[in-house]
Amino acid sequence: MAEPLPKDQIDDPDLRRIFQRFQKTAEERRTREAEEGRTEPSPPAKIIQLPLWPEPVRGAPNSFLRSALFAAIQGKGRKQMKRELLATMQGVTVRFTGQQLDQSDLDVWEQSVHLARFNPVGNICCFTGYAFLKALRRNTGNAEYQGLDDAIERLIACAVIIQTGQKEYVGNLIGSCLRDKATRRYRLAPD
């Protein structure tokens, strides 16, 4: 590989400025790492991805499925909950705050996770409402889109506390959603 030209031998002024910025950024990084006591470059970030499972299968933590996190209720019977204990099994405790979730919400959450499994954890998951509803074997009328929107909002607004030993996970089931009402495209983010 050829050695780069020193900046004083670069004739193009734009290219020279880019080269100078690159050198400045590299020097600032070396200085910052030296101040932090690092002598070796930072290791690359570890990419974590959900396991890939077959198309007809849906993945979910056992503690979600064995608790009443997604209750077998009709939507009209939802109640508001605050840190309500849903289950304790094999050292795992599940508590919930928010509007009670039902099996329809489970379908939406599982399909979201199913789509997200192709991306590294923490990435944005994009889809069309039409494809999402079809995957759930639902119709694609306005009522079904409204139901999808309502389920996503409940999954964002809730708080789940899963405790095992002295460790707790506290968070929602979907971080945030950007939806385009005109194109019916969705972008779910883990936040």
Protein backbone atom coordinates (compact mmCIF):
# COMPACT_ATOMS: atom_id res chain seq x y z
CA MET A 1 0.00 0.00 0.00
CA ALA A 2 1.38 3.41 -0.95
CA GLU A 3 2.19 5.95 1.75
CA PRO A 4 -0.15 8.99 1.79
CA LEU A 5 1.28 12.25 0.55
CA PRO A 6 2.26 14.79 3.22
CA LYS A 7 -0.27 17.62 3.36
CA ASP A 8 2.23 20.12 1.91
CA GLN A 9 2.42 17.99 -1.27
CA ILE A 10 -1.35 18.00 -1.89
CA ASP A 11 -2.15 20.53 -4.60
CA ASP A 12 -5.95 20.52 -4.39
CA PRO A 13 -7.01 23.00 -1.62
CA ASP A 14 -10.26 21.13 -0.84
CA LEU A 15 -8.44 17.82 -0.53
CA ARG A 16 -5.78 19.49 1.63
CA ARG A 17 -8.49 20.82 4.04
CA ILE A 18 -10.09 17.35 4.26
CA PHE A 19 -6.68 15.81 4.98
CA GLN A 20 -5.99 18.44 7.68
CA ARG A 21 -9.38 17.80 9.34
CA PHE A 22 -8.71 14.07 9.29
CA GLN A 23 -5.29 14.58 10.90
CA LYS A 24 -6.76 16.90 13.55
CA THR A 25 -9.52 14.42 14.42
CA ALA A 26 -7.02 11.55 14.66
CA GLU A 27 -4.73 13.63 16.91
CA GLU A 28 -7.65 14.64 19.18
CA ARG A 29 -8.63 11.00 19.52
CA ARG A 30 -5.06 9.94 20.38
CA THR A 31 -4.87 12.74 22.99
CA ARG A 32 -8.24 11.76 24.52
CA GLU A 33 -7.24 8.08 24.69
CA ALA A 34 -3.90 8.98 26.28
CA GLU A 35 -5.68 11.12 28.90
CA GLU A 36 -7.99 8.20 29.64
CA GLY A 37 -4.97 5.93 30.03
CA ARG A 38 -5.72 3.86 26.94
CA THR A 39 -2.70 2.93 24.89
CA GLU A 40 -4.46 0.54 22.55
CA PRO A 41 -7.37 1.40 20.28
CA SER A 42 -10.84 0.74 21.62
CA PRO A 43 -12.14 -2.70 20.67
CA PRO A 44 -14.92 -2.67 18.09
CA ALA A 45 -18.43 -2.69 19.51
CA LYS A 46 -19.87 -6.16 19.88
CA ILE A 47 -22.88 -6.66 17.63
CA ILE A 48 -25.71 -8.51 19.33
CA GLN A 49 -28.47 -10.08 17.29
CA LEU A 50 -31.51 -12.08 18.27
CA PRO A 51 -31.41 -15.73 17.26
CA LEU A 52 -32.89 -16.43 13.84
CA TRP A 53 -35.93 -18.66 14.06
CA PRO A 54 -38.08 -20.03 11.23
CA GLU A 55 -40.73 -17.83 9.59
CA PRO A 56 -43.84 -19.53 11.03
CA VAL A 57 -42.45 -19.40 14.60
CA ARG A 58 -42.60 -16.41 16.95
CA GLY A 59 -40.08 -15.84 19.74
CA ALA A 60 -40.86 -14.49 23.20
CA PRO A 61 -39.32 -14.84 26.67
CA ASN A 62 -40.90 -17.62 28.69
CA SER A 63 -41.49 -15.21 31.60
CA PHE A 64 -43.70 -13.08 29.32
CA LEU A 65 -45.74 -16.03 28.15
CA ARG A 66 -46.15 -17.71 31.54
CA SER A 67 -47.15 -14.51 33.34
CA ALA A 68 -50.32 -12.55 32.76
CA LEU A 69 -48.38 -9.81 30.95
CA PHE A 70 -50.60 -10.38 27.91
CA ALA A 71 -53.89 -11.28 29.57
CA ALA A 72 -56.65 -13.34 27.99
CA ILE A 73 -59.19 -10.49 28.17
CA GLN A 74 -61.36 -8.57 25.76
CA GLY A 75 -60.01 -5.10 24.93
CA LYS A 76 -62.95 -3.38 26.59
CA GLY A 77 -62.08 -5.03 29.92
CA ARG A 78 -58.64 -3.43 30.21
CA LYS A 79 -57.70 -1.97 33.56
CA GLN A 80 -55.01 0.51 34.52
CA MET A 81 -52.24 -1.13 36.58
CA LYS A 82 -49.41 0.22 38.75
CA ARG A 83 -46.46 -2.06 39.64
CA GLU A 84 -48.89 -4.96 39.75
CA LEU A 85 -47.28 -8.34 40.39
CA LEU A 86 -48.11 -10.58 37.43
CA ALA A 87 -46.00 -13.62 38.16
CA THR A 88 -43.23 -15.15 40.20
CA MET A 89 -41.65 -18.29 38.81
CA GLN A 90 -38.27 -19.92 39.24
CA GLY A 91 -36.76 -16.79 40.81
CA VAL A 92 -38.16 -14.37 38.20
CA THR A 93 -40.68 -11.69 39.22
CA VAL A 94 -42.73 -9.77 36.63
CA ARG A 95 -44.47 -6.49 37.53
CA PHE A 96 -46.41 -4.20 35.20
CA THR A 97 -47.47 -0.55 35.02
CA GLY A 98 -49.77 0.79 32.32
CA GLN A 99 -52.95 -0.08 30.49
CA GLN A 100 -53.44 -3.84 30.66
CA LEU A 101 -52.17 -5.69 27.60
CA ASP A 102 -54.11 -8.47 25.87
CA GLN A 103 -53.48 -11.21 23.32
CA SER A 104 -53.85 -8.75 20.43
CA ASP A 105 -50.99 -6.71 21.91
CA LEU A 106 -48.97 -9.92 22.18
CA ASP A 107 -49.49 -10.54 18.46
CA VAL A 108 -48.22 -7.03 17.63
CA TRP A 109 -45.23 -7.32 20.00
CA GLU A 110 -44.26 -10.77 18.72
CA GLN A 111 -44.48 -9.64 15.09
CA SER A 112 -42.33 -6.60 15.92
CA VAL A 113 -39.69 -8.83 17.53
CA HIS A 114 -40.00 -11.25 14.63
CA LEU A 115 -39.17 -8.48 12.14
CA ALA A 116 -36.42 -7.04 14.37
CA ARG A 117 -34.59 -10.38 14.56
CA PHE A 118 -32.95 -9.66 11.20
CA ASN A 119 -31.23 -6.53 12.59
CA PRO A 120 -28.63 -6.11 15.32
CA VAL A 121 -30.20 -5.32 18.70
CA GLY A 122 -30.69 -1.58 19.05
CA ASN A 123 -31.38 -0.88 15.38
CA ILE A 124 -34.54 0.62 13.95
CA CYS A 125 -37.10 -1.79 12.52
CA CYS A 126 -39.05 -0.56 9.46
CA PHE A 127 -42.18 -2.01 7.89
CA THR A 128 -45.43 -1.13 6.17
CA GLY A 129 -48.65 -1.37 8.10
CA TYR A 130 -50.15 -3.41 5.25
CA ALA A 131 -47.43 -6.10 5.39
CA PHE A 132 -47.57 -6.14 9.20
CA LEU A 133 -51.35 -6.64 9.31
CA LYS A 134 -51.19 -9.28 6.57
CA ALA A 135 -48.53 -11.19 8.53
CA LEU A 136 -50.96 -11.19 11.47
CA ARG A 137 -53.71 -12.46 9.11
CA ARG A 138 -55.77 -9.34 9.77
CA ASN A 139 -57.78 -7.20 7.40
CA THR A 140 -56.31 -3.91 6.21
CA GLY A 141 -59.14 -1.46 6.80
CA ASN A 142 -59.00 1.72 8.85
CA ALA A 143 -60.17 -0.09 12.01
CA GLU A 144 -57.28 -2.57 11.77
CA TYR A 145 -54.73 0.22 11.24
CA GLN A 146 -56.20 2.04 14.25
CA GLY A 147 -55.94 -1.19 16.28
CA LEU A 148 -52.27 -1.54 15.26
CA ASP A 149 -51.61 2.08 16.26
CA ASP A 150 -53.38 1.58 19.61
CA ALA A 151 -51.39 -1.59 20.37
CA ILE A 152 -48.08 0.09 19.53
CA GLU A 153 -48.99 3.03 21.77
CA ARG A 154 -49.79 0.69 24.69
CA LEU A 155 -46.50 -1.19 24.18
CA ILE A 156 -44.61 2.13 24.24
CA ALA A 157 -46.49 3.57 27.23
CA CYS A 158 -46.17 0.58 29.56
CA ALA A 159 -43.42 -0.25 32.05
CA VAL A 160 -42.36 -3.83 32.69
CA ILE A 161 -40.17 -4.74 35.66
CA ILE A 162 -38.52 -8.14 35.46
CA GLN A 163 -36.45 -9.05 38.50
CA THR A 164 -34.14 -11.99 38.98
CA GLY A 165 -32.07 -11.98 42.14
CA GLN A 166 -30.69 -8.47 42.68
CA LYS A 167 -30.94 -7.52 38.99
CA GLU A 168 -33.93 -5.74 37.46
CA TYR A 169 -34.92 -4.78 33.95
CA VAL A 170 -37.22 -1.76 33.91
CA GLY A 171 -38.47 -0.55 30.56
CA ASN A 172 -41.16 -0.52 27.94
CA LEU A 173 -41.75 -3.16 25.28
CA ILE A 174 -41.28 -0.83 22.30
CA GLY A 175 -39.13 2.28 22.65
CA SER A 176 -40.74 4.63 20.16
CA CYS A 177 -42.49 4.68 16.82
CA LEU A 178 -42.38 7.04 13.88
CA ARG A 179 -45.34 6.45 11.61
CA ASP A 180 -46.28 8.11 8.36
CA LYS A 181 -50.07 8.29 8.20
CA ALA A 182 -50.02 8.93 4.43
CA THR A 183 -47.82 5.97 3.42
CA ARG A 184 -48.57 3.84 6.48
CA ARG A 185 -44.88 3.15 6.97
CA TYR A 186 -43.63 2.50 10.52
CA ARG A 187 -40.19 2.83 12.14
CA LEU A 188 -39.90 1.22 15.57
CA ALA A 189 -36.89 2.23 17.66
CA PRO A 190 -35.66 0.54 20.84
CA ASP A 191 -34.65 3.84 22.53
